Amino acid sequence: MIDVARRNGSGPVALDAIWSDESRLSLLQLEALYAVANEGSFVDAAAALGCTQPAVSQRIAAIERRLGIVLVRRVSGQRQVRLTDAGATLVAAAEQVRVILRTATRHIEDMRNGREPTVRIGAFSSAAVRVMPPVLAAIRARRLPCWIKLVEVDDDVRLQELLRFGEIDIAFVIFPLQSGQAHAVELFSDPFVLLAPKKSPLASVPRLRPADLRGLPMVCLTSEQYEVAAELRRQGIEPNWVFDTEKIHVAEPLVAADVGYSIVPQLALGQRYPGVVRFSLSEIVAPREIGIAWPPHHPRLGLLRQVADVIRAVCASPADFLPPIDQPGRLPLGPVAVPLR
């Protein structure tokens, strides 16, 4: 699918323009333009819509006549076409219309079946495990008129795409956002934590410094590799990755087995292992800024705001759900081992 927002870079599009007296665009016309943008040609768009190629061309031409500007340019000698800036702007608005109508249809189906509206909340695993249980309890206590469906996706970019295309209603996100086409609020900071073997000399260091991390063998959490590596390099430290894993619950047992150290978000910490200490790196590595986002146009926008208010209230006290960590230099030490290198 064409990423119109990134191609155009124009930010949110005012939907009012589509329905104004000056434009009077029909949904069939917008559907044709959207199909051309997605399929890349009039022929493929016609096949996707189940109509003829001349019908698609006529609908596009009608929009261009109405607006007085070219929306689609044919590439000389090729079947492919490309959007002009005006075309990309209108496709972005058409995309919002499609999302709104699809969401409205889903809510109407709930009404027809006598169900309360469903609010789909997308979250990465750590937010789903740590934040969502108290959120669900608070929503139930407040008797909000909705069902909550949790959608777990361990990819922040993918979560924002699902939000943009109306597959979820609210998304937990990591700032900054990939696109400006959403309402968003920051909730709390999620510090990165160093997992170290308890026998490591670092367990007795009163305060961790960037130099303490230089040369340490690191177990890499794949989802955080680039962000952590960039922060370490900013401090003049080249990461020494010795093992990588996609599963956060694997990192701590690897550290307990003396495979190496690891840097993970505090929110993602799982079961505690007795042979591992956890130290905050908030003074060395910038924390993740966690928030939520929801679409600016939604048939149940008032309900989404109520759910968002509950999430904000729960996240106002992150100490209630962030896993505990240790204080450097305040641990009972056993035999001191030679530093891992």
C-alpha atoms as a PDB file:
ATOM      1  CA  MET A   1       0.000   0.000   0.000  1.00  0.00           C
ATOM      2  CA  ILE A   2       1.293   3.457  -0.848  1.00  0.00           C
ATOM      3  CA  ASP A   3       2.404   5.383   2.216  1.00  0.00           C
ATOM      4  CA  VAL A   4       0.689   8.625   1.282  1.00  0.00           C
ATOM      5  CA  ALA A   5       1.519  10.447   4.516  1.00  0.00           C
ATOM      6  CA  ARG A   6       5.243   9.944   4.046  1.00  0.00           C
ATOM      7  CA  ARG A   7       5.182  10.727   0.329  1.00  0.00           C
ATOM      8  CA  ASN A   8       3.181  13.864   0.760  1.00  0.00           C
ATOM      9  CA  GLY A   9       4.427  15.103   4.108  1.00  0.00           C
ATOM     10  CA  SER A  10       1.474  17.463   4.373  1.00  0.00           C
ATOM     11  CA  GLY A  11       0.202  16.300   7.769  1.00  0.00           C
ATOM     12  CA  PRO A  12      -3.475  15.828   8.669  1.00  0.00           C
ATOM     13  CA  VAL A  13      -6.012  16.485   5.935  1.00  0.00           C
ATOM     14  CA  ALA A  14      -9.260  18.394   6.594  1.00  0.00           C
ATOM     15  CA  LEU A  15     -12.103  16.050   5.723  1.00  0.00           C
ATOM     16  CA  ASP A  16     -14.530  18.979   5.436  1.00  0.00           C
ATOM     17  CA  ALA A  17     -13.067  19.815   2.034  1.00  0.00           C
ATOM     18  CA  ILE A  18     -14.413  16.573   0.559  1.00  0.00           C
ATOM     19  CA  TRP A  19     -18.020  17.451   1.355  1.00  0.00           C
ATOM     20  CA  SER A  20     -17.913  21.175   0.577  1.00  0.00           C
ATOM     21  CA  ASP A  21     -20.161  22.699  -2.104  1.00  0.00           C
ATOM     22  CA  GLU A  22     -17.094  23.546  -4.183  1.00  0.00           C
ATOM     23  CA  SER A  23     -15.915  19.921  -4.478  1.00  0.00           C
ATOM     24  CA  ARG A  24     -18.962  17.624  -4.099  1.00  0.00           C
ATOM     25  CA  LEU A  25     -16.896  14.485  -4.528  1.00  0.00           C
ATOM     26  CA  SER A  26     -18.647  11.136  -4.439  1.00  0.00           C
ATOM     27  CA  LEU A  27     -17.465   8.057  -2.574  1.00  0.00           C
ATOM     28  CA  LEU A  28     -17.215   6.180  -5.894  1.00  0.00           C
ATOM     29  CA  GLN A  29     -14.810   8.824  -7.196  1.00  0.00           C
ATOM     30  CA  LEU A  30     -12.702   8.712  -4.044  1.00  0.00           C
ATOM     31  CA  GLU A  31     -12.705   4.917  -4.172  1.00  0.00           C
ATOM     32  CA  ALA A  32     -11.384   5.024  -7.735  1.00  0.00           C
ATOM     33  CA  LEU A  33      -8.579   7.423  -6.821  1.00  0.00           C
ATOM     34  CA  TYR A  34      -7.687   5.341  -3.771  1.00  0.00           C
ATOM     35  CA  ALA A  35      -7.550   2.175  -5.891  1.00  0.00           C
ATOM     36  CA  VAL A  36      -5.291   3.846  -8.472  1.00  0.00           C
ATOM     37  CA  ALA A  37      -2.945   4.969  -5.687  1.00  0.00           C
ATOM     38  CA  ASN A  38      -2.812   1.472  -4.201  1.00  0.00           C
ATOM     39  CA  GLU A  39      -2.618  -0.528  -7.427  1.00  0.00           C
ATOM     40  CA  GLY A  40      -0.363   1.848  -9.352  1.00  0.00           C
ATOM     41  CA  SER A  41      -2.304   1.754 -12.629  1.00  0.00           C
ATOM     42  CA  PHE A  42      -5.801   2.320 -14.027  1.00  0.00           C
ATOM     43  CA  VAL A  43      -5.998  -1.252 -15.336  1.00  0.00           C
ATOM     44  CA  ASP A  44      -5.122  -2.836 -11.981  1.00  0.00           C
ATOM     45  CA  ALA A  45      -7.410  -0.395 -10.149  1.00  0.00           C
ATOM     46  CA  ALA A  46     -10.303  -1.426 -12.411  1.00  0.00           C
ATOM     47  CA  ALA A  47      -9.620  -5.089 -11.681  1.00  0.00           C
ATOM     48  CA  ALA A  48      -9.550  -4.412  -7.938  1.00  0.00           C
ATOM     49  CA  LEU A  49     -12.855  -2.487  -8.128  1.00  0.00           C
ATOM     50  CA  GLY A  50     -14.560  -4.960 -10.471  1.00  0.00           C
ATOM     51  CA  CYS A  51     -15.274  -2.373 -13.143  1.00  0.00           C
ATOM     52  CA  THR A  52     -13.810  -1.290 -16.493  1.00  0.00           C
ATOM     53  CA  GLN A  53     -10.687   0.774 -16.974  1.00  0.00           C
ATOM     54  CA  PRO A  54     -12.621   3.571 -18.780  1.00  0.00           C
ATOM     55  CA  ALA A  55     -14.948   3.816 -15.760  1.00  0.00           C
ATOM     56  CA  VAL A  56     -11.983   4.403 -13.463  1.00  0.00           C
ATOM     57  CA  SER A  57     -10.509   6.973 -15.852  1.00  0.00           C
ATOM     58  CA  GLN A  58     -13.839   8.803 -16.033  1.00  0.00           C
ATOM     59  CA  ARG A  59     -14.148   9.003 -12.246  1.00  0.00           C
ATOM     60  CA  ILE A  60     -10.606  10.387 -11.883  1.00  0.00           C
ATOM     61  CA  ALA A  61     -11.206  12.865 -14.699  1.00  0.00           C
ATOM     62  CA  ALA A  62     -14.422  14.020 -13.024  1.00  0.00           C
ATOM     63  CA  ILE A  63     -12.545  14.783  -9.783  1.00  0.00           C
ATOM     64  CA  GLU A  64      -9.839  16.669 -11.671  1.00  0.00           C
ATOM     65  CA  ARG A  65     -12.435  18.749 -13.522  1.00  0.00           C
ATOM     66  CA  ARG A  66     -14.268  19.510 -10.293  1.00  0.00           C
ATOM     67  CA  LEU A  67     -11.108  20.552  -8.415  1.00  0.00           C
ATOM     68  CA  GLY A  68      -9.351  22.096 -11.421  1.00  0.00           C
ATOM     69  CA  ILE A  69      -6.042  20.329 -10.836  1.00  0.00           C
ATOM     70  CA  VAL A  70      -4.226  17.213 -12.081  1.00  0.00           C
ATOM     71  CA  LEU A  71      -4.207  14.384  -9.538  1.00  0.00           C
ATOM     72  CA  VAL A  72      -2.620  11.526 -11.495  1.00  0.00           C
ATOM     73  CA  ARG A  73       0.154  11.589 -14.094  1.00  0.00           C
ATOM     74  CA  ARG A  74       0.776   8.729 -16.507  1.00  0.00           C
ATOM     75  CA  VAL A  75       4.387   7.667 -16.910  1.00  0.00           C
ATOM     76  CA  SER A  76       5.345   7.889 -20.582  1.00  0.00           C
ATOM     77  CA  GLY A  77       5.507   4.482 -22.239  1.00  0.00           C
ATOM     78  CA  GLN A  78       4.414   2.643 -19.100  1.00  0.00           C
ATOM     79  CA  ARG A  79       1.155   1.410 -17.643  1.00  0.00           C
ATOM     80  CA  GLN A  80       2.121   2.750 -14.215  1.00  0.00           C
ATOM     81  CA  VAL A  81       0.946   6.136 -12.945  1.00  0.00           C
ATOM     82  CA  ARG A  82       2.062   8.420 -10.135  1.00  0.00           C
ATOM     83  CA  LEU A  83       0.201  10.814  -7.887  1.00  0.00           C
ATOM     84  CA  THR A  84       0.820  14.526  -7.957  1.00  0.00           C
ATOM     85  CA  ASP A  85       1.092  16.335  -4.621  1.00  0.00           C
ATOM     86  CA  ALA A  86      -2.594  17.255  -4.942  1.00  0.00           C
ATOM     87  CA  GLY A  87      -3.451  13.633  -5.669  1.00  0.00           C
ATOM     88  CA  ALA A  88      -1.505  12.402  -2.648  1.00  0.00           C
ATOM     89  CA  THR A  89      -3.268  14.965  -0.453  1.00  0.00           C
ATOM     90  CA  LEU A  90      -6.701  13.816  -1.604  1.00  0.00           C
ATOM     91  CA  VAL A  91      -5.788  10.126  -1.249  1.00  0.00           C
ATOM     92  CA  ALA A  92      -4.755  10.779   2.359  1.00  0.00           C
ATOM     93  CA  ALA A  93      -8.208  12.260   2.990  1.00  0.00           C
ATOM     94  CA  ALA A  94      -9.891   9.381   1.155  1.00  0.00           C
ATOM     95  CA  GLU A  95      -8.001   6.968   3.358  1.00  0.00           C
ATOM     96  CA  GLN A  96      -9.389   8.688   6.452  1.00  0.00           C
ATOM     97  CA  VAL A  97     -12.915   8.472   5.032  1.00  0.00           C
ATOM     98  CA  ARG A  98     -12.500   4.734   4.410  1.00  0.00           C
ATOM     99  CA  VAL A  99     -11.288   4.193   7.968  1.00  0.00           C
ATOM    100  CA  ILE A 100     -14.153   6.215   9.460  1.00  0.00           C
ATOM    101  CA  LEU A 101     -16.794   4.377   7.421  1.00  0.00           C
ATOM    102  CA  ARG A 102     -15.306   0.965   8.217  1.00  0.00           C
ATOM    103  CA  THR A 103     -15.189   1.796  11.931  1.00  0.00           C
ATOM    104  CA  ALA A 104     -18.737   3.181  11.880  1.00  0.00           C
ATOM    105  CA  THR A 105     -19.974   0.024  10.145  1.00  0.00           C
ATOM    106  CA  ARG A 106     -18.376  -2.121  12.832  1.00  0.00           C
ATOM    107  CA  HIS A 107     -20.032  -0.114  15.610  1.00  0.00           C
ATOM    108  CA  ILE A 108     -23.404  -0.241  13.843  1.00  0.00           C
ATOM    109  CA  GLU A 109     -23.050  -4.018  13.667  1.00  0.00           C
ATOM    110  CA  ASP A 110     -22.516  -4.027  17.442  1.00  0.00           C
ATOM    111  CA  MET A 111     -25.716  -1.998  17.851  1.00  0.00           C
ATOM    112  CA  ARG A 112     -27.686  -4.316  15.575  1.00  0.00           C
ATOM    113  CA  ASN A 113     -26.567  -7.314  17.609  1.00  0.00           C
ATOM    114  CA  GLY A 114     -27.360  -5.616  20.910  1.00  0.00           C
ATOM    115  CA  ARG A 115     -23.716  -5.413  21.988  1.00  0.00           C
ATOM    116  CA  GLU A 116     -21.877  -2.555  23.599  1.00  0.00           C
ATOM    117  CA  PRO A 117     -19.281  -0.985  21.287  1.00  0.00           C
ATOM    118  CA  THR A 118     -15.898  -2.678  21.165  1.00  0.00           C
ATOM    119  CA  VAL A 119     -12.782  -0.570  21.692  1.00  0.00           C
ATOM    120  CA  ARG A 120      -9.701  -2.311  20.305  1.00  0.00           C
ATOM    121  CA  ILE A 121      -6.510  -1.382  22.130  1.00  0.00           C
ATOM    122  CA  GLY A 122      -3.203  -2.281  20.496  1.00  0.00           C
ATOM    123  CA  ALA A 123      -0.213  -2.794  22.762  1.00  0.00           C
ATOM    124  CA  PHE A 124       3.258  -4.295  22.711  1.00  0.00           C
ATOM    125  CA  SER A 125       3.724  -7.198  25.136  1.00  0.00           C
ATOM    126  CA  SER A 126       5.257  -5.281  28.034  1.00  0.00           C
ATOM    127  CA  ALA A 127       2.393  -2.763  28.058  1.00  0.00           C
ATOM    128  CA  ALA A 128      -0.132  -5.588  27.681  1.00  0.00           C
ATOM    129  CA  VAL A 129       1.317  -7.444  30.676  1.00  0.00           C
ATOM    130  CA  ARG A 130       2.128  -4.542  33.015  1.00  0.00           C
ATOM    131  CA  VAL A 131      -0.268  -1.715  32.157  1.00  0.00           C
ATOM    132  CA  MET A 132      -3.410  -3.265  30.732  1.00  0.00           C
ATOM    133  CA  PRO A 133      -4.504  -5.313  33.805  1.00  0.00           C
ATOM    134  CA  PRO A 134      -4.932  -2.209  36.026  1.00  0.00           C
ATOM    135  CA  VAL A 135      -6.427  -0.337  33.062  1.00  0.00           C
ATOM    136  CA  LEU A 136      -9.052  -3.046  32.527  1.00  0.00           C
ATOM    137  CA  ALA A 137      -9.830  -3.082  36.249  1.00  0.00           C
ATOM    138  CA  ALA A 138     -10.295   0.709  36.227  1.00  0.00           C
ATOM    139  CA  ILE A 139     -12.526   0.600  33.140  1.00  0.00           C
ATOM    140  CA  ARG A 140     -14.678  -2.031  34.802  1.00  0.00           C
ATOM    141  CA  ALA A 141     -14.845  -0.020  38.032  1.00  0.00           C
ATOM    142  CA  ARG A 142     -15.996   3.068  36.115  1.00  0.00           C
ATOM    143  CA  ARG A 143     -18.573   1.020  34.190  1.00  0.00           C
ATOM    144  CA  LEU A 144     -17.644   2.474  30.826  1.00  0.00           C
ATOM    145  CA  PRO A 145     -20.171   1.332  28.198  1.00  0.00           C
ATOM    146  CA  CYS A 146     -17.817  -0.733  26.057  1.00  0.00           C
ATOM    147  CA  TRP A 147     -16.022  -4.007  25.566  1.00  0.00           C
ATOM    148  CA  ILE A 148     -12.230  -3.928  25.415  1.00  0.00           C
ATOM    149  CA  LYS A 149     -10.377  -6.099  22.927  1.00  0.00           C
ATOM    150  CA  LEU A 150      -6.618  -6.289  23.411  1.00  0.00           C
ATOM    151  CA  VAL A 151      -4.468  -6.653  20.285  1.00  0.00           C
ATOM    152  CA  GLU A 152      -0.843  -7.547  21.024  1.00  0.00           C
ATOM    153  CA  VAL A 153       1.737  -6.508  18.419  1.00  0.00           C
ATOM    154  CA  ASP A 154       5.435  -6.308  19.302  1.00  0.00           C
ATOM    155  CA  ASP A 155       6.222  -3.699  16.671  1.00  0.00           C
ATOM    156  CA  ASP A 156       5.621  -0.027  17.407  1.00  0.00           C
ATOM    157  CA  VAL A 157       5.603   0.978  13.734  1.00  0.00           C
ATOM    158  CA  ARG A 158       3.092  -1.760  12.942  1.00  0.00           C
ATOM    159  CA  LEU A 159       0.855  -0.642  15.816  1.00  0.00           C
ATOM    160  CA  GLN A 160       0.759   2.865  14.387  1.00  0.00           C
ATOM    161  CA  GLU A 161      -0.084   1.473  10.946  1.00  0.00           C
ATOM    162  CA  LEU A 162      -2.972  -0.546  12.420  1.00  0.00           C
ATOM    163  CA  LEU A 163      -4.232   2.624  14.086  1.00  0.00           C
ATOM    164  CA  ARG A 164      -3.969   4.609  10.884  1.00  0.00           C
ATOM    165  CA  PHE A 165      -5.935   2.016   8.895  1.00  0.00           C
ATOM    166  CA  GLY A 166      -8.649   1.612  11.530  1.00  0.00           C
ATOM    167  CA  GLU A 167      -7.724  -1.900  12.636  1.00  0.00           C
ATOM    168  CA  ILE A 168      -7.396  -0.697  16.238  1.00  0.00           C
ATOM    169  CA  ASP A 169      -8.920   2.286  18.034  1.00  0.00           C
ATOM    170  CA  ILE A 170      -6.200   3.162  20.565  1.00  0.00           C
ATOM    171  CA  ALA A 171      -2.524   2.249  20.391  1.00  0.00           C
ATOM    172  CA  PHE A 172       0.254   2.257  22.924  1.00  0.00           C
ATOM    173  CA  VAL A 173       3.123   4.015  21.166  1.00  0.00           C
ATOM    174  CA  ILE A 174       6.741   4.978  21.663  1.00  0.00           C
ATOM    175  CA  PHE A 175       7.469   8.622  20.945  1.00  0.00           C
ATOM    176  CA  PRO A 176       8.150  10.203  18.553  1.00  0.00           C
ATOM    177  CA  LEU A 177       5.233   9.078  16.390  1.00  0.00           C
ATOM    178  CA  GLN A 178       5.817   7.931  12.819  1.00  0.00           C
ATOM    179  CA  SER A 179       2.968  10.139  11.580  1.00  0.00           C
ATOM    180  CA  GLY A 180       1.266  13.263  12.848  1.00  0.00           C
ATOM    181  CA  GLN A 181      -2.210  12.029  11.865  1.00  0.00           C
ATOM    182  CA  ALA A 182      -3.318  11.040  15.383  1.00  0.00           C
ATOM    183  CA  HIS A 183      -4.120  12.514  18.757  1.00  0.00           C
ATOM    184  CA  ALA A 184      -1.444  11.405  21.204  1.00  0.00           C
ATOM    185  CA  VAL A 185      -0.419  11.931  24.821  1.00  0.00           C
ATOM    186  CA  GLU A 186       2.721  10.909  26.658  1.00  0.00           C
ATOM    187  CA  LEU A 187       2.103   8.706  29.693  1.00  0.00           C
ATOM    188  CA  PHE A 188       5.395   7.845  31.401  1.00  0.00           C
ATOM    189  CA  SER A 189       9.122   7.337  30.897  1.00  0.00           C
ATOM    190  CA  ASP A 190      10.391   3.764  30.642  1.00  0.00           C
ATOM    191  CA  PRO A 191      14.071   3.709  31.683  1.00  0.00           C
ATOM    192  CA  PHE A 192      16.512   1.239  30.225  1.00  0.00           C
ATOM    193  CA  VAL A 193      17.988  -1.190  32.736  1.00  0.00           C
ATOM    194  CA  LEU A 194      21.326  -2.974  32.815  1.00  0.00           C
ATOM    195  CA  LEU A 195      21.042  -6.659  33.694  1.00  0.00           C
ATOM    196  CA  ALA A 196      24.306  -7.794  35.233  1.00  0.00           C
ATOM    197  CA  PRO A 197      25.505 -11.041  36.864  1.00  0.00           C
ATOM    198  CA  LYS A 198      25.325 -10.593  40.635  1.00  0.00           C
ATOM    199  CA  LYS A 199      28.990 -11.624  40.944  1.00  0.00           C
ATOM    200  CA  SER A 200      30.062  -8.853  38.589  1.00  0.00           C
ATOM    201  CA  PRO A 201      32.220  -6.045  40.047  1.00  0.00           C
ATOM    202  CA  LEU A 202      29.569  -3.629  38.729  1.00  0.00           C
ATOM    203  CA  ALA A 203      27.304  -4.820  41.544  1.00  0.00           C
ATOM    204  CA  SER A 204      29.449  -2.874  43.993  1.00  0.00           C
ATOM    205  CA  VAL A 205      29.816   0.306  41.923  1.00  0.00           C
ATOM    206  CA  PRO A 206      27.966   3.147  43.725  1.00  0.00           C
ATOM    207  CA  ARG A 207      27.055   4.869  40.462  1.00  0.00           C
ATOM    208  CA  LEU A 208      27.209   3.546  36.930  1.00  0.00           C
ATOM    209  CA  ARG A 209      29.095   5.620  34.385  1.00  0.00           C
ATOM    210  CA  PRO A 210      29.271   5.234  30.590  1.00  0.00           C
ATOM    211  CA  ALA A 211      32.852   3.977  30.900  1.00  0.00           C
ATOM    212  CA  ASP A 212      31.596   1.045  33.002  1.00  0.00           C
ATOM    213  CA  LEU A 213      29.791  -0.322  29.955  1.00  0.00           C
ATOM    214  CA  ARG A 214      32.752  -0.210  27.586  1.00  0.00           C
ATOM    215  CA  GLY A 215      33.736  -3.670  26.335  1.00  0.00           C
ATOM    216  CA  LEU A 216      31.048  -5.556  28.243  1.00  0.00           C
ATOM    217  CA  PRO A 217      29.724  -8.606  26.345  1.00  0.00           C
ATOM    218  CA  MET A 218      26.093  -7.811  25.630  1.00  0.00           C
ATOM    219  CA  VAL A 219      23.043  -9.988  25.082  1.00  0.00           C
ATOM    220  CA  CYS A 220      21.083  -7.995  22.527  1.00  0.00           C
ATOM    221  CA  LEU A 221      17.302  -7.669  22.629  1.00  0.00           C
ATOM    222  CA  THR A 222      16.569  -7.422  18.903  1.00  0.00           C
ATOM    223  CA  SER A 223      13.649  -4.988  19.211  1.00  0.00           C
ATOM    224  CA  GLU A 224      15.795  -2.457  21.098  1.00  0.00           C
ATOM    225  CA  GLN A 225      19.140  -3.069  19.360  1.00  0.00           C
ATOM    226  CA  TYR A 226      19.263   0.033  17.166  1.00  0.00           C
ATOM    227  CA  GLU A 227      18.026   2.459  19.809  1.00  0.00           C
ATOM    228  CA  VAL A 228      20.387   1.132  22.486  1.00  0.00           C
ATOM    229  CA  ALA A 229      23.345   0.979  20.084  1.00  0.00           C
ATOM    230  CA  ALA A 230      22.740   4.588  18.986  1.00  0.00           C
ATOM    231  CA  GLU A 231      22.646   5.788  22.601  1.00  0.00           C
ATOM    232  CA  LEU A 232      25.826   3.902  23.512  1.00  0.00           C
ATOM    233  CA  ARG A 233      27.673   5.207  20.461  1.00  0.00           C
ATOM    234  CA  ARG A 234      26.571   8.709  21.389  1.00  0.00           C
ATOM    235  CA  GLN A 235      28.484   8.103  24.628  1.00  0.00           C
ATOM    236  CA  GLY A 236      31.522   6.885  22.648  1.00  0.00           C
ATOM    237  CA  ILE A 237      30.860   3.211  23.409  1.00  0.00           C
ATOM    238  CA  GLU A 238      30.804   0.598  20.661  1.00  0.00           C
ATOM    239  CA  PRO A 239      28.401  -2.208  21.658  1.00  0.00           C
ATOM    240  CA  ASN A 240      29.956  -5.655  22.026  1.00  0.00           C
ATOM    241  CA  TRP A 241      27.064  -7.918  21.043  1.00  0.00           C
ATOM    242  CA  VAL A 242      27.730 -11.599  21.764  1.00  0.00           C
ATOM    243  CA  PHE A 243      24.199 -12.972  21.450  1.00  0.00           C
ATOM    244  CA  ASP A 244      20.842 -11.694  20.270  1.00  0.00           C
ATOM    245  CA  THR A 245      17.308 -12.745  21.082  1.00  0.00           C
ATOM    246  CA  GLU A 246      13.829 -11.587  20.112  1.00  0.00           C
ATOM    247  CA  LYS A 247      12.335 -12.695  23.427  1.00  0.00           C
ATOM    248  CA  ILE A 248      12.682 -10.446  26.462  1.00  0.00           C
ATOM    249  CA  HIS A 249      12.134 -13.354  28.867  1.00  0.00           C
ATOM    250  CA  VAL A 250      15.278 -15.023  27.460  1.00  0.00           C
ATOM    251  CA  ALA A 251      17.620 -12.119  28.255  1.00  0.00           C
ATOM    252  CA  GLU A 252      17.682 -12.402  32.055  1.00  0.00           C
ATOM    253  CA  PRO A 253      18.359 -16.172  32.226  1.00  0.00           C
ATOM    254  CA  LEU A 254      21.205 -15.683  29.744  1.00  0.00           C
ATOM    255  CA  VAL A 255      22.683 -13.050  32.041  1.00  0.00           C
ATOM    256  CA  ALA A 256      22.194 -15.412  35.015  1.00  0.00           C
ATOM    257  CA  ALA A 257      24.159 -18.040  33.060  1.00  0.00           C
ATOM    258  CA  ASP A 258      27.071 -15.573  32.607  1.00  0.00           C
ATOM    259  CA  VAL A 259      26.570 -15.324  28.844  1.00  0.00           C
ATOM    260  CA  GLY A 260      26.866 -11.557  29.164  1.00  0.00           C
ATOM    261  CA  TYR A 261      25.101  -8.394  30.265  1.00  0.00           C
ATOM    262  CA  SER A 262      21.924  -7.003  28.718  1.00  0.00           C
ATOM    263  CA  ILE A 263      20.153  -3.662  28.379  1.00  0.00           C
ATOM    264  CA  VAL A 264      16.351  -3.847  28.348  1.00  0.00           C
ATOM    265  CA  PRO A 265      13.412  -1.492  29.065  1.00  0.00           C
ATOM    266  CA  GLN A 266      12.289  -1.598  32.694  1.00  0.00           C
ATOM    267  CA  LEU A 267       8.668  -2.158  31.659  1.00  0.00           C
ATOM    268  CA  ALA A 268       9.698  -5.339  29.846  1.00  0.00           C
ATOM    269  CA  LEU A 269      11.399  -6.989  32.824  1.00  0.00           C
ATOM    270  CA  GLY A 270       9.933 -10.363  33.663  1.00  0.00           C
ATOM    271  CA  GLN A 271      10.607 -13.072  36.214  1.00  0.00           C
ATOM    272  CA  ARG A 272      13.372 -12.204  38.644  1.00  0.00           C
ATOM    273  CA  TYR A 273      16.460 -14.437  38.625  1.00  0.00           C
ATOM    274  CA  PRO A 274      18.500 -14.611  41.869  1.00  0.00           C
ATOM    275  CA  GLY A 275      21.838 -14.423  40.046  1.00  0.00           C
ATOM    276  CA  VAL A 276      21.019 -11.135  38.277  1.00  0.00           C
ATOM    277  CA  VAL A 277      20.968  -7.512  39.406  1.00  0.00           C
ATOM    278  CA  ARG A 278      19.038  -4.738  37.691  1.00  0.00           C
ATOM    279  CA  PHE A 279      20.433  -1.190  37.525  1.00  0.00           C
ATOM    280  CA  SER A 280      18.796   1.849  35.966  1.00  0.00           C
ATOM    281  CA  LEU A 281      20.662   3.448  33.069  1.00  0.00           C
ATOM    282  CA  SER A 282      18.506   6.591  33.039  1.00  0.00           C
ATOM    283  CA  GLU A 283      21.596   8.816  33.350  1.00  0.00           C
ATOM    284  CA  ILE A 284      23.351   7.052  30.456  1.00  0.00           C
ATOM    285  CA  VAL A 285      20.686   5.880  28.002  1.00  0.00           C
ATOM    286  CA  ALA A 286      17.645   8.047  27.303  1.00  0.00           C
ATOM    287  CA  PRO A 287      14.443   6.312  28.439  1.00  0.00           C
ATOM    288  CA  ARG A 288      11.624   5.334  26.119  1.00  0.00           C
ATOM    289  CA  GLU A 289       8.686   7.733  26.242  1.00  0.00           C
ATOM    290  CA  ILE A 290       5.509   5.669  26.291  1.00  0.00           C
ATOM    291  CA  GLY A 291       2.150   7.095  25.308  1.00  0.00           C
ATOM    292  CA  ILE A 292      -1.136   6.354  23.608  1.00  0.00           C
ATOM    293  CA  ALA A 293      -2.598   7.563  20.332  1.00  0.00           C
ATOM    294  CA  TRP A 294      -6.060   7.509  18.785  1.00  0.00           C
ATOM    295  CA  PRO A 295      -7.487   8.779  15.480  1.00  0.00           C
ATOM    296  CA  PRO A 296      -8.667  12.391  15.180  1.00  0.00           C
ATOM    297  CA  HIS A 297     -11.826  11.257  13.346  1.00  0.00           C
ATOM    298  CA  HIS A 298     -13.779   8.375  14.882  1.00  0.00           C
ATOM    299  CA  PRO A 299     -17.517   7.596  15.207  1.00  0.00           C
ATOM    300  CA  ARG A 300     -17.027   7.006  18.936  1.00  0.00           C
ATOM    301  CA  LEU A 301     -14.472   9.702  19.656  1.00  0.00           C
ATOM    302  CA  GLY A 302     -16.102  10.611  22.985  1.00  0.00           C
ATOM    303  CA  LEU A 303     -15.846   6.997  24.152  1.00  0.00           C
ATOM    304  CA  LEU A 304     -12.202   6.781  23.065  1.00  0.00           C
ATOM    305  CA  ARG A 305     -11.443   9.878  25.114  1.00  0.00           C
ATOM    306  CA  GLN A 306     -13.057   8.288  28.172  1.00  0.00           C
ATOM    307  CA  VAL A 307     -10.919   5.163  27.755  1.00  0.00           C
ATOM    308  CA  ALA A 308      -7.837   7.330  27.167  1.00  0.00           C
ATOM    309  CA  ASP A 309      -8.582   9.245  30.391  1.00  0.00           C
ATOM    310  CA  VAL A 310      -8.649   5.955  32.316  1.00  0.00           C
ATOM    311  CA  ILE A 311      -5.319   4.891  30.813  1.00  0.00           C
ATOM    312  CA  ARG A 312      -3.786   8.268  31.700  1.00  0.00           C
ATOM    313  CA  ALA A 313      -5.030   8.004  35.284  1.00  0.00           C
ATOM    314  CA  VAL A 314      -3.537   4.533  35.697  1.00  0.00           C
ATOM    315  CA  CYS A 315      -0.223   5.587  34.169  1.00  0.00           C
ATOM    316  CA  ALA A 316       0.055   8.673  36.390  1.00  0.00           C
ATOM    317  CA  SER A 317       1.755   6.372  38.943  1.00  0.00           C
ATOM    318  CA  PRO A 318       4.200   4.236  36.916  1.00  0.00           C
ATOM    319  CA  ALA A 319       5.865   3.002  40.111  1.00  0.00           C
ATOM    320  CA  ASP A 320       2.719   0.924  40.663  1.00  0.00           C
ATOM    321  CA  PHE A 321       3.398  -1.263  37.617  1.00  0.00           C
ATOM    322  CA  LEU A 322       7.085  -0.854  36.681  1.00  0.00           C
ATOM    323  CA  PRO A 323       9.071  -3.898  37.906  1.00  0.00           C
ATOM    324  CA  PRO A 324      11.490  -3.210  40.785  1.00  0.00           C
ATOM    325  CA  ILE A 325      15.168  -2.579  40.160  1.00  0.00           C
ATOM    326  CA  ASP A 326      18.245  -2.462  42.410  1.00  0.00           C
ATOM    327  CA  GLN A 327      20.349   0.408  43.691  1.00  0.00           C
ATOM    328  CA  PRO A 328      24.043   0.245  42.698  1.00  0.00           C
ATOM    329  CA  GLY A 329      26.402  -0.434  45.593  1.00  0.00           C
ATOM    330  CA  ARG A 330      23.643  -1.584  47.980  1.00  0.00           C
ATOM    331  CA  LEU A 331      23.700  -5.308  47.354  1.00  0.00           C
ATOM    332  CA  PRO A 332      25.065  -8.046  49.604  1.00  0.00           C
ATOM    333  CA  LEU A 333      28.075  -9.284  47.696  1.00  0.00           C
ATOM    334  CA  GLY A 334      29.212 -12.841  47.337  1.00  0.00           C
ATOM    335  CA  PRO A 335      32.572 -13.875  45.903  1.00  0.00           C
ATOM    336  CA  VAL A 336      33.725 -11.338  43.343  1.00  0.00           C
ATOM    337  CA  ALA A 337      34.423 -12.782  39.933  1.00  0.00           C
ATOM    338  CA  VAL A 338      36.787 -11.575  37.241  1.00  0.00           C
ATOM    339  CA  PRO A 339      34.943  -9.109  34.950  1.00  0.00           C
ATOM    340  CA  LEU A 340      33.357 -10.619  31.870  1.00  0.00           C
ATOM    341  CA  ARG A 341      35.111  -9.494  28.732  1.00  0.00           C
END
